[in-house]
Amino acid sequence: MVQQHRKFKESPSQTAGPYVHIGCTPNFAGIGGVYAEDLGARMITGPVQGQQIVLHGQIHDGTGMPIRDAMVEIWQADANGLFNAPTETRGTADPGFTGWGRSPTDQDSGIYRFDTIKPGRVPFHDGRLQAPHITLWIVARGINTGLQTRAYFDDEAEANALDPILNGIEHKHRVPTLLAQKQEDGSYRFDIRLQGEGETIFLDI
């Protein structure tokens, strides 16, 4: 007997919609009893090596208005350039640092915030060292596919000048869209612009 196989078409892409906070940050959405705290809310879980920093900013739409219902995730190395991942073979990552965080934007100001550490340099696939950076993933209502970008640090000029990703950007006037700006209080501000003038560089990875 020949078995018939039904072929299904791919479902249409869906935007994150209002449900991203319910599913990913239930405590933030006012739903208690799921997790003691939302996953990714705390990256520093004990004593850590290196410089503790705050990374914060807003996500702006094409008109320049802050998006107040977005969610940002970050992934980064520790202060020694090691990732908290099973694939890390160069050493043992800092046990007090998760390397991954998730932050919804504040529904009044649109600001996201991460209490993290300044990452160390990690090797590129050809062995060259990359400048310290944090990878960001952004989702929000109206975005069909999560957007990937990087935040480098404006006070790492020497390392930035040698970074293979930054050096590969053809239009050099857009490099500053990937630089987190050090503030007077020691924090770093990294605003993300989805469209229009000053649009952030997004990476296809």
N, C-alpha and C. Protein backbone atom coordinates (compact mmCIF):
# COMPACT_ATOMS: atom_id res chain seq x y z
N MET A 1 0.84 -1.18 0.00
CA MET A 1 0.00 0.00 0.00
C MET A 1 0.89 1.25 0.00
N VAL A 2 0.63 2.12 -0.92
CA VAL A 2 1.42 3.34 -1.04
C VAL A 2 0.85 4.39 -0.10
N GLN A 3 1.75 4.95 0.73
CA GLN A 3 1.31 5.97 1.68
C GLN A 3 1.36 7.33 1.01
N GLN A 4 0.31 8.06 1.14
CA GLN A 4 0.25 9.39 0.56
C GLN A 4 0.78 10.42 1.56
N HIS A 5 1.64 11.29 1.07
CA HIS A 5 2.22 12.34 1.89
C HIS A 5 1.60 13.68 1.51
N ARG A 6 1.02 14.32 2.47
CA ARG A 6 0.44 15.64 2.22
C ARG A 6 1.52 16.71 2.42
N LYS A 7 1.62 17.57 1.48
CA LYS A 7 2.61 18.64 1.57
C LYS A 7 1.91 19.92 2.04
N PHE A 8 2.49 20.50 3.05
CA PHE A 8 1.90 21.72 3.60
C PHE A 8 2.75 22.92 3.20
N LYS A 9 2.09 23.99 2.88
CA LYS A 9 2.79 25.22 2.56
C LYS A 9 3.28 25.88 3.85
N GLU A 10 4.34 26.64 3.70
CA GLU A 10 4.88 27.35 4.86
C GLU A 10 3.87 28.39 5.34
N SER A 11 3.71 28.44 6.64
CA SER A 11 2.81 29.43 7.22
C SER A 11 3.38 30.83 7.01
N PRO A 12 2.53 31.83 6.85
CA PRO A 12 3.04 33.19 6.68
C PRO A 12 3.75 33.67 7.93
N SER A 13 4.75 34.51 7.74
CA SER A 13 5.48 35.06 8.88
C SER A 13 4.55 35.92 9.72
N GLN A 14 4.77 35.91 11.01
CA GLN A 14 3.97 36.71 11.92
C GLN A 14 4.88 37.68 12.66
N THR A 15 4.37 38.86 12.92
CA THR A 15 5.15 39.80 13.72
C THR A 15 5.05 39.41 15.19
N ALA A 16 5.90 40.00 15.99
CA ALA A 16 5.93 39.65 17.41
C ALA A 16 4.61 39.98 18.09
N GLY A 17 3.97 41.09 17.67
CA GLY A 17 2.68 41.44 18.23
C GLY A 17 2.74 41.72 19.72
N PRO A 18 1.59 41.81 20.35
CA PRO A 18 1.56 42.12 21.79
C PRO A 18 1.88 40.92 22.66
N TYR A 19 2.04 39.73 22.05
CA TYR A 19 2.19 38.52 22.85
C TYR A 19 3.64 38.23 23.23
N VAL A 20 4.58 38.98 22.66
CA VAL A 20 5.98 38.71 22.94
C VAL A 20 6.28 38.89 24.43
N HIS A 21 5.67 39.87 25.07
CA HIS A 21 5.91 40.09 26.49
C HIS A 21 5.21 39.05 27.35
N ILE A 22 4.04 38.61 26.92
CA ILE A 22 3.32 37.59 27.67
C ILE A 22 4.13 36.30 27.70
N GLY A 23 4.70 35.93 26.55
CA GLY A 23 5.45 34.69 26.47
C GLY A 23 6.87 34.76 26.98
N CYS A 24 7.53 35.89 26.77
CA CYS A 24 8.96 35.98 27.09
C CYS A 24 9.25 36.70 28.40
N THR A 25 8.41 37.66 28.76
CA THR A 25 8.63 38.41 30.01
C THR A 25 7.30 38.51 30.77
N PRO A 26 6.79 37.38 31.23
CA PRO A 26 5.46 37.40 31.87
C PRO A 26 5.38 38.28 33.11
N ASN A 27 6.42 38.31 33.93
CA ASN A 27 6.39 39.17 35.11
C ASN A 27 6.26 40.64 34.71
N PHE A 28 7.00 41.03 33.67
CA PHE A 28 6.90 42.40 33.16
C PHE A 28 5.49 42.68 32.66
N ALA A 29 4.85 41.67 32.09
CA ALA A 29 3.49 41.83 31.56
C ALA A 29 2.43 41.71 32.64
N GLY A 30 2.85 41.53 33.89
CA GLY A 30 1.90 41.45 34.99
C GLY A 30 1.35 40.07 35.26
N ILE A 31 2.03 39.05 34.70
CA ILE A 31 1.60 37.67 34.90
C ILE A 31 2.58 37.01 35.86
N GLY A 32 2.18 36.81 37.10
CA GLY A 32 3.06 36.20 38.08
C GLY A 32 2.86 34.71 38.17
N GLY A 33 3.78 34.05 38.88
CA GLY A 33 3.65 32.62 39.12
C GLY A 33 4.22 31.72 38.05
N VAL A 34 4.74 32.30 36.97
CA VAL A 34 5.36 31.49 35.91
C VAL A 34 6.83 31.27 36.24
N TYR A 35 7.57 32.35 36.42
CA TYR A 35 8.97 32.30 36.85
C TYR A 35 9.13 33.26 38.02
N ALA A 36 10.06 32.95 38.91
CA ALA A 36 10.35 33.87 40.01
C ALA A 36 10.78 35.22 39.47
N GLU A 37 11.53 35.21 38.39
CA GLU A 37 11.88 36.42 37.66
C GLU A 37 11.95 36.06 36.19
N ASP A 38 11.77 37.03 35.33
CA ASP A 38 11.78 36.75 33.90
C ASP A 38 13.15 36.27 33.45
N LEU A 39 13.16 35.31 32.54
CA LEU A 39 14.42 34.78 32.03
C LEU A 39 15.23 35.90 31.39
N GLY A 40 16.50 35.94 31.72
CA GLY A 40 17.40 36.94 31.16
C GLY A 40 17.39 38.27 31.87
N ALA A 41 16.59 38.39 32.93
CA ALA A 41 16.51 39.67 33.63
C ALA A 41 17.78 39.98 34.40
N ARG A 42 18.54 38.93 34.77
CA ARG A 42 19.75 39.11 35.58
C ARG A 42 20.89 38.37 34.93
N MET A 43 21.90 39.10 34.47
CA MET A 43 23.07 38.49 33.83
C MET A 43 24.20 38.24 34.82
N ILE A 44 24.29 39.07 35.83
CA ILE A 44 25.33 38.92 36.86
C ILE A 44 24.72 38.16 38.02
N THR A 45 25.21 36.94 38.24
CA THR A 45 24.61 36.07 39.25
C THR A 45 25.53 35.83 40.44
N GLY A 46 26.69 36.44 40.45
CA GLY A 46 27.65 36.28 41.54
C GLY A 46 28.82 37.21 41.30
N PRO A 47 29.91 37.05 42.06
CA PRO A 47 31.10 37.86 41.81
C PRO A 47 31.60 37.65 40.39
N VAL A 48 31.96 38.74 39.72
CA VAL A 48 32.40 38.65 38.33
C VAL A 48 33.76 39.32 38.16
N GLN A 49 34.44 38.92 37.12
CA GLN A 49 35.70 39.54 36.74
C GLN A 49 35.39 40.69 35.78
N GLY A 50 36.27 41.67 35.74
CA GLY A 50 36.13 42.74 34.77
C GLY A 50 35.28 43.91 35.26
N GLN A 51 34.98 44.78 34.33
CA GLN A 51 34.29 46.04 34.61
C GLN A 51 32.78 45.88 34.45
N GLN A 52 32.04 46.12 35.51
CA GLN A 52 30.59 46.09 35.41
C GLN A 52 30.09 47.38 34.77
N ILE A 53 29.18 47.25 33.85
CA ILE A 53 28.65 48.41 33.12
C ILE A 53 27.14 48.30 32.99
N VAL A 54 26.53 49.39 32.58
CA VAL A 54 25.12 49.42 32.20
C VAL A 54 25.05 49.79 30.72
N LEU A 55 24.32 48.99 29.95
CA LEU A 55 24.04 49.29 28.55
C LEU A 55 22.56 49.62 28.45
N HIS A 56 22.25 50.77 27.89
CA HIS A 56 20.85 51.19 27.80
C HIS A 56 20.64 52.02 26.55
N GLY A 57 19.39 52.21 26.19
CA GLY A 57 19.09 53.02 25.03
C GLY A 57 17.63 52.88 24.62
N GLN A 58 17.30 53.48 23.50
CA GLN A 58 15.97 53.42 22.95
C GLN A 58 16.02 52.86 21.53
N ILE A 59 14.89 52.33 21.08
CA ILE A 59 14.74 51.87 19.71
C ILE A 59 13.78 52.84 19.03
N HIS A 60 14.22 53.43 17.92
CA HIS A 60 13.42 54.44 17.24
C HIS A 60 12.87 53.91 15.92
N ASP A 61 11.62 54.27 15.61
CA ASP A 61 11.06 53.88 14.32
C ASP A 61 11.49 54.88 13.24
N GLY A 62 10.92 54.74 12.05
CA GLY A 62 11.34 55.57 10.93
C GLY A 62 11.04 57.04 11.10
N THR A 63 10.12 57.38 12.00
CA THR A 63 9.80 58.79 12.24
C THR A 63 10.61 59.38 13.38
N GLY A 64 11.43 58.53 14.02
CA GLY A 64 12.25 58.99 15.14
C GLY A 64 11.60 58.80 16.49
N MET A 65 10.39 58.24 16.51
CA MET A 65 9.70 58.03 17.79
C MET A 65 10.21 56.75 18.46
N PRO A 66 10.37 56.77 19.78
CA PRO A 66 10.80 55.55 20.48
C PRO A 66 9.71 54.49 20.47
N ILE A 67 10.12 53.24 20.26
CA ILE A 67 9.19 52.11 20.29
C ILE A 67 9.11 51.61 21.72
N ARG A 68 7.90 51.57 22.26
CA ARG A 68 7.74 51.27 23.68
C ARG A 68 7.28 49.85 23.95
N ASP A 69 7.14 49.05 22.90
CA ASP A 69 6.69 47.66 23.13
C ASP A 69 7.65 46.66 22.50
N ALA A 70 8.93 47.02 22.41
CA ALA A 70 9.94 46.13 21.83
C ALA A 70 10.58 45.27 22.92
N MET A 71 11.35 44.31 22.48
CA MET A 71 12.13 43.48 23.40
C MET A 71 13.52 43.29 22.80
N VAL A 72 14.52 43.36 23.65
CA VAL A 72 15.91 43.24 23.21
C VAL A 72 16.56 42.08 23.96
N GLU A 73 17.30 41.25 23.24
CA GLU A 73 18.14 40.23 23.86
C GLU A 73 19.59 40.51 23.49
N ILE A 74 20.50 40.23 24.41
CA ILE A 74 21.91 40.40 24.12
C ILE A 74 22.66 39.11 24.43
N TRP A 75 23.78 38.96 23.73
CA TRP A 75 24.66 37.80 23.90
C TRP A 75 26.08 38.32 23.79
N GLN A 76 26.92 37.95 24.74
CA GLN A 76 28.27 38.50 24.73
C GLN A 76 29.24 37.59 25.46
N ALA A 77 30.52 37.88 25.26
CA ALA A 77 31.59 37.18 25.98
C ALA A 77 31.78 37.82 27.35
N ASP A 78 32.48 37.11 28.22
CA ASP A 78 32.82 37.68 29.52
C ASP A 78 34.03 38.60 29.38
N ALA A 79 34.56 39.06 30.49
CA ALA A 79 35.67 40.02 30.46
C ALA A 79 36.94 39.42 29.86
N ASN A 80 37.04 38.09 29.84
CA ASN A 80 38.20 37.43 29.26
C ASN A 80 37.97 36.98 27.82
N GLY A 81 36.85 37.37 27.25
CA GLY A 81 36.56 37.00 25.87
C GLY A 81 36.05 35.58 25.72
N LEU A 82 35.49 35.00 26.78
CA LEU A 82 35.00 33.63 26.75
C LEU A 82 33.47 33.62 26.85
N PHE A 83 32.84 32.73 26.09
CA PHE A 83 31.38 32.63 26.09
C PHE A 83 30.92 31.55 27.05
N ASN A 84 29.82 31.80 27.72
CA ASN A 84 29.20 30.81 28.59
C ASN A 84 28.36 29.88 27.72
N ALA A 85 29.02 28.97 27.02
CA ALA A 85 28.35 28.09 26.07
C ALA A 85 29.10 26.77 25.98
N PRO A 86 28.38 25.67 25.71
CA PRO A 86 29.04 24.37 25.58
C PRO A 86 30.07 24.32 24.45
N THR A 87 29.93 25.21 23.47
CA THR A 87 30.85 25.21 22.33
C THR A 87 32.14 25.95 22.62
N GLU A 88 32.23 26.60 23.79
CA GLU A 88 33.46 27.33 24.13
C GLU A 88 34.56 26.34 24.46
N THR A 89 35.65 26.39 23.71
CA THR A 89 36.75 25.44 23.89
C THR A 89 38.04 26.11 24.35
N ARG A 90 38.03 27.43 24.51
CA ARG A 90 39.26 28.14 24.84
C ARG A 90 39.49 28.30 26.33
N GLY A 91 38.52 27.90 27.13
CA GLY A 91 38.66 28.05 28.58
C GLY A 91 37.29 28.01 29.23
N THR A 92 37.28 28.30 30.53
CA THR A 92 36.03 28.28 31.28
C THR A 92 35.56 29.71 31.50
N ALA A 93 34.33 29.97 31.09
CA ALA A 93 33.77 31.31 31.22
C ALA A 93 33.51 31.65 32.68
N ASP A 94 33.40 32.92 32.97
CA ASP A 94 33.14 33.42 34.32
C ASP A 94 31.83 32.81 34.85
N PRO A 95 31.89 32.04 35.94
CA PRO A 95 30.67 31.37 36.44
C PRO A 95 29.63 32.33 37.01
N GLY A 96 30.03 33.55 37.32
CA GLY A 96 29.09 34.51 37.87
C GLY A 96 28.41 35.36 36.82
N PHE A 97 28.60 34.99 35.55
CA PHE A 97 28.07 35.81 34.46
C PHE A 97 27.44 34.91 33.41
N THR A 98 26.17 35.16 33.08
CA THR A 98 25.46 34.29 32.14
C THR A 98 25.82 34.56 30.69
N GLY A 99 26.14 35.81 30.37
CA GLY A 99 26.46 36.16 28.99
C GLY A 99 25.25 36.43 28.12
N TRP A 100 24.04 36.18 28.66
CA TRP A 100 22.81 36.38 27.88
C TRP A 100 21.80 37.13 28.72
N GLY A 101 21.13 38.09 28.10
CA GLY A 101 20.13 38.85 28.82
C GLY A 101 18.96 39.22 27.93
N ARG A 102 17.85 39.54 28.56
CA ARG A 102 16.62 39.92 27.84
C ARG A 102 15.99 41.10 28.57
N SER A 103 15.62 42.12 27.81
CA SER A 103 15.02 43.31 28.41
C SER A 103 13.88 43.83 27.54
N PRO A 104 12.68 43.95 28.10
CA PRO A 104 11.64 44.67 27.39
C PRO A 104 11.90 46.17 27.49
N THR A 105 11.46 46.92 26.51
CA THR A 105 11.58 48.37 26.62
C THR A 105 10.51 48.89 27.57
N ASP A 106 10.88 49.90 28.34
CA ASP A 106 9.93 50.51 29.28
C ASP A 106 8.74 51.07 28.50
N GLN A 107 7.54 50.79 28.96
CA GLN A 107 6.36 51.16 28.19
C GLN A 107 6.02 52.64 28.29
N ASP A 108 6.75 53.39 29.09
CA ASP A 108 6.59 54.85 29.12
C ASP A 108 7.71 55.54 28.34
N SER A 109 8.95 55.18 28.66
CA SER A 109 10.09 55.87 28.04
C SER A 109 10.64 55.15 26.81
N GLY A 110 10.36 53.85 26.69
CA GLY A 110 10.92 53.07 25.58
C GLY A 110 12.36 52.67 25.80
N ILE A 111 12.88 52.81 27.02
CA ILE A 111 14.29 52.51 27.29
C ILE A 111 14.45 51.05 27.68
N TYR A 112 15.46 50.40 27.08
CA TYR A 112 15.88 49.07 27.53
C TYR A 112 17.13 49.25 28.39
N ARG A 113 17.43 48.26 29.21
CA ARG A 113 18.58 48.39 30.11
C ARG A 113 19.12 47.00 30.45
N PHE A 114 20.46 46.90 30.44
CA PHE A 114 21.14 45.68 30.87
C PHE A 114 22.25 46.04 31.86
N ASP A 115 22.26 45.37 33.00
CA ASP A 115 23.39 45.45 33.93
C ASP A 115 24.30 44.28 33.56
N THR A 116 25.45 44.60 33.00
CA THR A 116 26.30 43.57 32.43
C THR A 116 27.76 43.90 32.72
N ILE A 117 28.66 43.32 31.97
CA ILE A 117 30.09 43.64 32.09
C ILE A 117 30.62 43.99 30.71
N LYS A 118 31.71 44.71 30.70
CA LYS A 118 32.34 45.04 29.42
C LYS A 118 33.04 43.79 28.90
N PRO A 119 32.69 43.34 27.70
CA PRO A 119 33.25 42.08 27.21
C PRO A 119 34.70 42.21 26.78
N GLY A 120 35.40 41.08 26.81
CA GLY A 120 36.75 41.03 26.27
C GLY A 120 36.73 40.79 24.77
N ARG A 121 37.90 40.74 24.18
CA ARG A 121 38.01 40.54 22.73
C ARG A 121 37.96 39.04 22.42
N VAL A 122 37.27 38.71 21.35
CA VAL A 122 37.15 37.32 20.93
C VAL A 122 37.72 37.18 19.52
N PRO A 123 38.24 36.01 19.17
CA PRO A 123 38.84 35.84 17.84
C PRO A 123 37.79 35.76 16.74
N PHE A 124 38.11 36.33 15.60
CA PHE A 124 37.33 36.18 14.37
C PHE A 124 37.65 34.80 13.80
N HIS A 125 36.91 34.37 12.78
CA HIS A 125 37.14 33.01 12.26
C HIS A 125 38.53 32.83 11.66
N ASP A 126 39.18 33.94 11.28
CA ASP A 126 40.52 33.83 10.72
C ASP A 126 41.62 34.07 11.76
N GLY A 127 41.24 34.20 13.02
CA GLY A 127 42.21 34.36 14.09
C GLY A 127 42.41 35.80 14.54
N ARG A 128 42.02 36.77 13.73
CA ARG A 128 42.14 38.17 14.15
C ARG A 128 41.22 38.44 15.33
N LEU A 129 41.65 39.33 16.22
CA LEU A 129 40.83 39.65 17.38
C LEU A 129 39.79 40.71 17.03
N GLN A 130 38.57 40.46 17.43
CA GLN A 130 37.51 41.44 17.27
C GLN A 130 37.55 42.42 18.43
N ALA A 131 37.05 43.61 18.20
CA ALA A 131 36.94 44.59 19.28
C ALA A 131 35.85 44.15 20.25
N PRO A 132 35.92 44.59 21.50
CA PRO A 132 34.84 44.26 22.45
C PRO A 132 33.49 44.69 21.88
N HIS A 133 32.52 43.80 21.95
CA HIS A 133 31.20 44.12 21.39
C HIS A 133 30.14 43.26 22.06
N ILE A 134 28.92 43.69 21.92
CA ILE A 134 27.75 42.97 22.41
C ILE A 134 26.80 42.77 21.23
N THR A 135 26.33 41.55 21.04
CA THR A 135 25.37 41.26 19.98
C THR A 135 23.96 41.49 20.51
N LEU A 136 23.15 42.19 19.71
CA LEU A 136 21.77 42.48 20.10
C LEU A 136 20.80 41.89 19.10
N TRP A 137 19.66 41.43 19.61
CA TRP A 137 18.56 40.91 18.79
C TRP A 137 17.30 41.66 19.20
N ILE A 138 16.62 42.25 18.23
CA ILE A 138 15.49 43.13 18.51
C ILE A 138 14.22 42.58 17.87
N VAL A 139 13.15 42.50 18.64
CA VAL A 139 11.84 42.16 18.10
C VAL A 139 10.83 43.19 18.59
N ALA A 140 9.81 43.43 17.78
CA ALA A 140 8.75 44.36 18.15
C ALA A 140 7.59 44.16 17.20
N ARG A 141 6.48 44.73 17.55
CA ARG A 141 5.32 44.70 16.68
C ARG A 141 5.68 45.33 15.34
N GLY A 142 5.36 44.64 14.26
CA GLY A 142 5.67 45.14 12.93
C GLY A 142 6.98 44.62 12.36
N ILE A 143 7.78 43.91 13.16
CA ILE A 143 9.03 43.33 12.68
C ILE A 143 8.79 41.84 12.42
N ASN A 144 8.90 41.43 11.16
CA ASN A 144 8.63 40.04 10.80
C ASN A 144 9.73 39.09 11.26
N THR A 145 10.96 39.54 11.17
CA THR A 145 12.11 38.72 11.56
C THR A 145 12.97 39.54 12.51
N GLY A 146 13.40 38.90 13.61
CA GLY A 146 14.23 39.61 14.57
C GLY A 146 15.46 40.22 13.92
N LEU A 147 15.81 41.42 14.34
CA LEU A 147 16.94 42.15 13.76
C LEU A 147 18.18 41.95 14.61
N GLN A 148 19.30 41.70 13.94
CA GLN A 148 20.58 41.48 14.61
C GLN A 148 21.50 42.67 14.37
N THR A 149 22.13 43.12 15.42
CA THR A 149 23.14 44.15 15.27
C THR A 149 24.19 43.98 16.36
N ARG A 150 25.16 44.88 16.40
CA ARG A 150 26.21 44.84 17.41
C ARG A 150 26.39 46.21 18.02
N ALA A 151 26.75 46.22 19.30
CA ALA A 151 27.14 47.45 19.98
C ALA A 151 28.62 47.35 20.31
N TYR A 152 29.42 48.18 19.65
CA TYR A 152 30.82 48.35 20.02
C TYR A 152 30.90 49.53 20.99
N PHE A 153 32.09 49.87 21.45
CA PHE A 153 32.24 50.90 22.47
C PHE A 153 33.09 52.04 21.92
N ASP A 154 32.60 53.27 22.09
CA ASP A 154 33.30 54.40 21.50
C ASP A 154 34.63 54.71 22.18
N ASP A 155 34.88 54.13 23.38
CA ASP A 155 36.15 54.36 24.05
C ASP A 155 37.15 53.23 23.79
N GLU A 156 36.90 52.43 22.77
CA GLU A 156 37.81 51.35 22.37
C GLU A 156 38.32 51.62 20.95
N ALA A 157 38.78 52.84 20.71
CA ALA A 157 39.14 53.27 19.36
C ALA A 157 40.22 52.39 18.74
N GLU A 158 41.23 52.02 19.51
CA GLU A 158 42.33 51.22 18.96
C GLU A 158 41.84 49.85 18.52
N ALA A 159 41.05 49.20 19.37
CA ALA A 159 40.53 47.88 19.01
C ALA A 159 39.52 47.98 17.87
N ASN A 160 38.68 49.03 17.89
CA ASN A 160 37.69 49.21 16.83
C ASN A 160 38.36 49.37 15.47
N ALA A 161 39.51 50.05 15.44
CA ALA A 161 40.20 50.29 14.18
C ALA A 161 40.71 49.00 13.55
N LEU A 162 40.86 47.94 14.36
CA LEU A 162 41.37 46.66 13.85
C LEU A 162 40.27 45.62 13.70
N ASP A 163 39.05 45.95 14.07
CA ASP A 163 37.97 44.96 14.05
C ASP A 163 37.60 44.58 12.62
N PRO A 164 37.55 43.28 12.30
CA PRO A 164 37.26 42.86 10.92
C PRO A 164 35.85 43.20 10.45
N ILE A 165 34.87 43.21 11.35
CA ILE A 165 33.51 43.57 10.96
C ILE A 165 33.42 45.06 10.64
N LEU A 166 33.93 45.89 11.54
CA LEU A 166 33.89 47.34 11.31
C LEU A 166 34.69 47.72 10.08
N ASN A 167 35.81 47.05 9.86
CA ASN A 167 36.62 47.34 8.68
C ASN A 167 35.94 46.90 7.39
N GLY A 168 34.99 45.97 7.49
CA GLY A 168 34.30 45.48 6.30
C GLY A 168 33.12 46.34 5.88
N ILE A 169 32.82 47.37 6.65
CA ILE A 169 31.70 48.25 6.32
C ILE A 169 32.13 49.23 5.24
N GLU A 170 31.45 49.19 4.12
CA GLU A 170 31.85 50.01 2.96
C GLU A 170 31.64 51.49 3.22
N HIS A 171 30.50 51.85 3.76
CA HIS A 171 30.16 53.25 3.98
C HIS A 171 30.59 53.64 5.40
N LYS A 172 31.78 54.17 5.51
CA LYS A 172 32.38 54.41 6.82
C LYS A 172 31.59 55.41 7.67
N HIS A 173 30.80 56.28 7.05
CA HIS A 173 30.04 57.25 7.82
C HIS A 173 28.94 56.57 8.64
N ARG A 174 28.68 55.28 8.36
CA ARG A 174 27.65 54.56 9.10
C ARG A 174 28.22 53.78 10.29
N VAL A 175 29.54 53.71 10.39
CA VAL A 175 30.16 52.98 11.50
C VAL A 175 29.69 53.50 12.86
N PRO A 176 29.52 54.81 13.05
CA PRO A 176 29.06 55.30 14.37
C PRO A 176 27.71 54.75 14.80
N THR A 177 26.91 54.22 13.88
CA THR A 177 25.62 53.65 14.28
C THR A 177 25.81 52.37 15.08
N LEU A 178 27.03 51.83 15.12
CA LEU A 178 27.32 50.63 15.88
C LEU A 178 28.12 50.93 17.15
N LEU A 179 28.28 52.20 17.49
CA LEU A 179 29.10 52.57 18.64
C LEU A 179 28.23 53.01 19.81
N ALA A 180 28.35 52.30 20.93
CA ALA A 180 27.70 52.73 22.16
C ALA A 180 28.50 53.89 22.74
N GLN A 181 27.80 54.93 23.15
CA GLN A 181 28.44 56.15 23.62
C GLN A 181 28.56 56.14 25.14
N LYS A 182 29.78 56.35 25.62
CA LYS A 182 29.98 56.39 27.07
C LYS A 182 29.39 57.67 27.64
N GLN A 183 28.61 57.53 28.72
CA GLN A 183 27.96 58.67 29.35
C GLN A 183 28.76 59.15 30.57
N GLU A 184 28.39 60.31 31.07
CA GLU A 184 29.10 60.88 32.21
C GLU A 184 29.05 59.99 33.44
N ASP A 185 27.97 59.22 33.58
CA ASP A 185 27.84 58.35 34.75
C ASP A 185 28.54 57.00 34.57
N GLY A 186 29.25 56.82 33.44
CA GLY A 186 29.98 55.59 33.19
C GLY A 186 29.20 54.54 32.43
N SER A 187 27.90 54.76 32.24
CA SER A 187 27.09 53.81 31.46
C SER A 187 27.33 54.03 29.97
N TYR A 188 26.80 53.13 29.17
CA TYR A 188 26.92 53.25 27.71
C TYR A 188 25.52 53.30 27.11
N ARG A 189 25.30 54.29 26.26
CA ARG A 189 24.01 54.44 25.59
C ARG A 189 24.13 53.98 24.14
N PHE A 190 23.21 53.10 23.77
CA PHE A 190 23.20 52.59 22.40
C PHE A 190 21.77 52.65 21.87
N ASP A 191 21.48 53.71 21.11
CA ASP A 191 20.18 53.87 20.49
C ASP A 191 20.17 53.14 19.15
N ILE A 192 19.05 52.54 18.83
CA ILE A 192 18.89 51.76 17.60
C ILE A 192 17.83 52.44 16.74
N ARG A 193 18.17 52.74 15.51
CA ARG A 193 17.22 53.37 14.58
C ARG A 193 16.90 52.38 13.48
N LEU A 194 15.61 52.05 13.37
CA LEU A 194 15.18 51.00 12.46
C LEU A 194 15.16 51.45 11.00
N GLN A 195 14.89 52.73 10.77
CA GLN A 195 14.79 53.25 9.41
C GLN A 195 15.20 54.71 9.40
N GLY A 196 15.38 55.22 8.19
CA GLY A 196 15.57 56.65 8.03
C GLY A 196 16.98 57.12 8.31
N GLU A 197 17.09 58.41 8.57
CA GLU A 197 18.40 59.02 8.80
C GLU A 197 19.06 58.41 10.03
N GLY A 198 20.33 58.02 9.88
CA GLY A 198 21.05 57.40 10.98
C GLY A 198 20.66 55.97 11.24
N GLU A 199 20.05 55.31 10.24
CA GLU A 199 19.62 53.91 10.41
C GLU A 199 20.78 53.04 10.88
N THR A 200 20.53 52.24 11.90
CA THR A 200 21.53 51.33 12.45
C THR A 200 21.88 50.26 11.42
N ILE A 201 23.13 49.84 11.40
CA ILE A 201 23.54 48.74 10.55
C ILE A 201 23.05 47.44 11.19
N PHE A 202 22.33 46.64 10.40
CA PHE A 202 21.87 45.34 10.87
C PHE A 202 22.63 44.25 10.12
N LEU A 203 22.85 43.14 10.79
CA LEU A 203 23.70 42.06 10.25
C LEU A 203 22.85 40.87 9.84
N ASP A 204 23.18 40.28 8.71
CA ASP A 204 22.47 39.12 8.20
C ASP A 204 23.20 37.87 8.67
N ILE A 205 22.86 37.40 9.88
CA ILE A 205 23.54 36.23 10.44
C ILE A 205 22.52 35.22 10.94
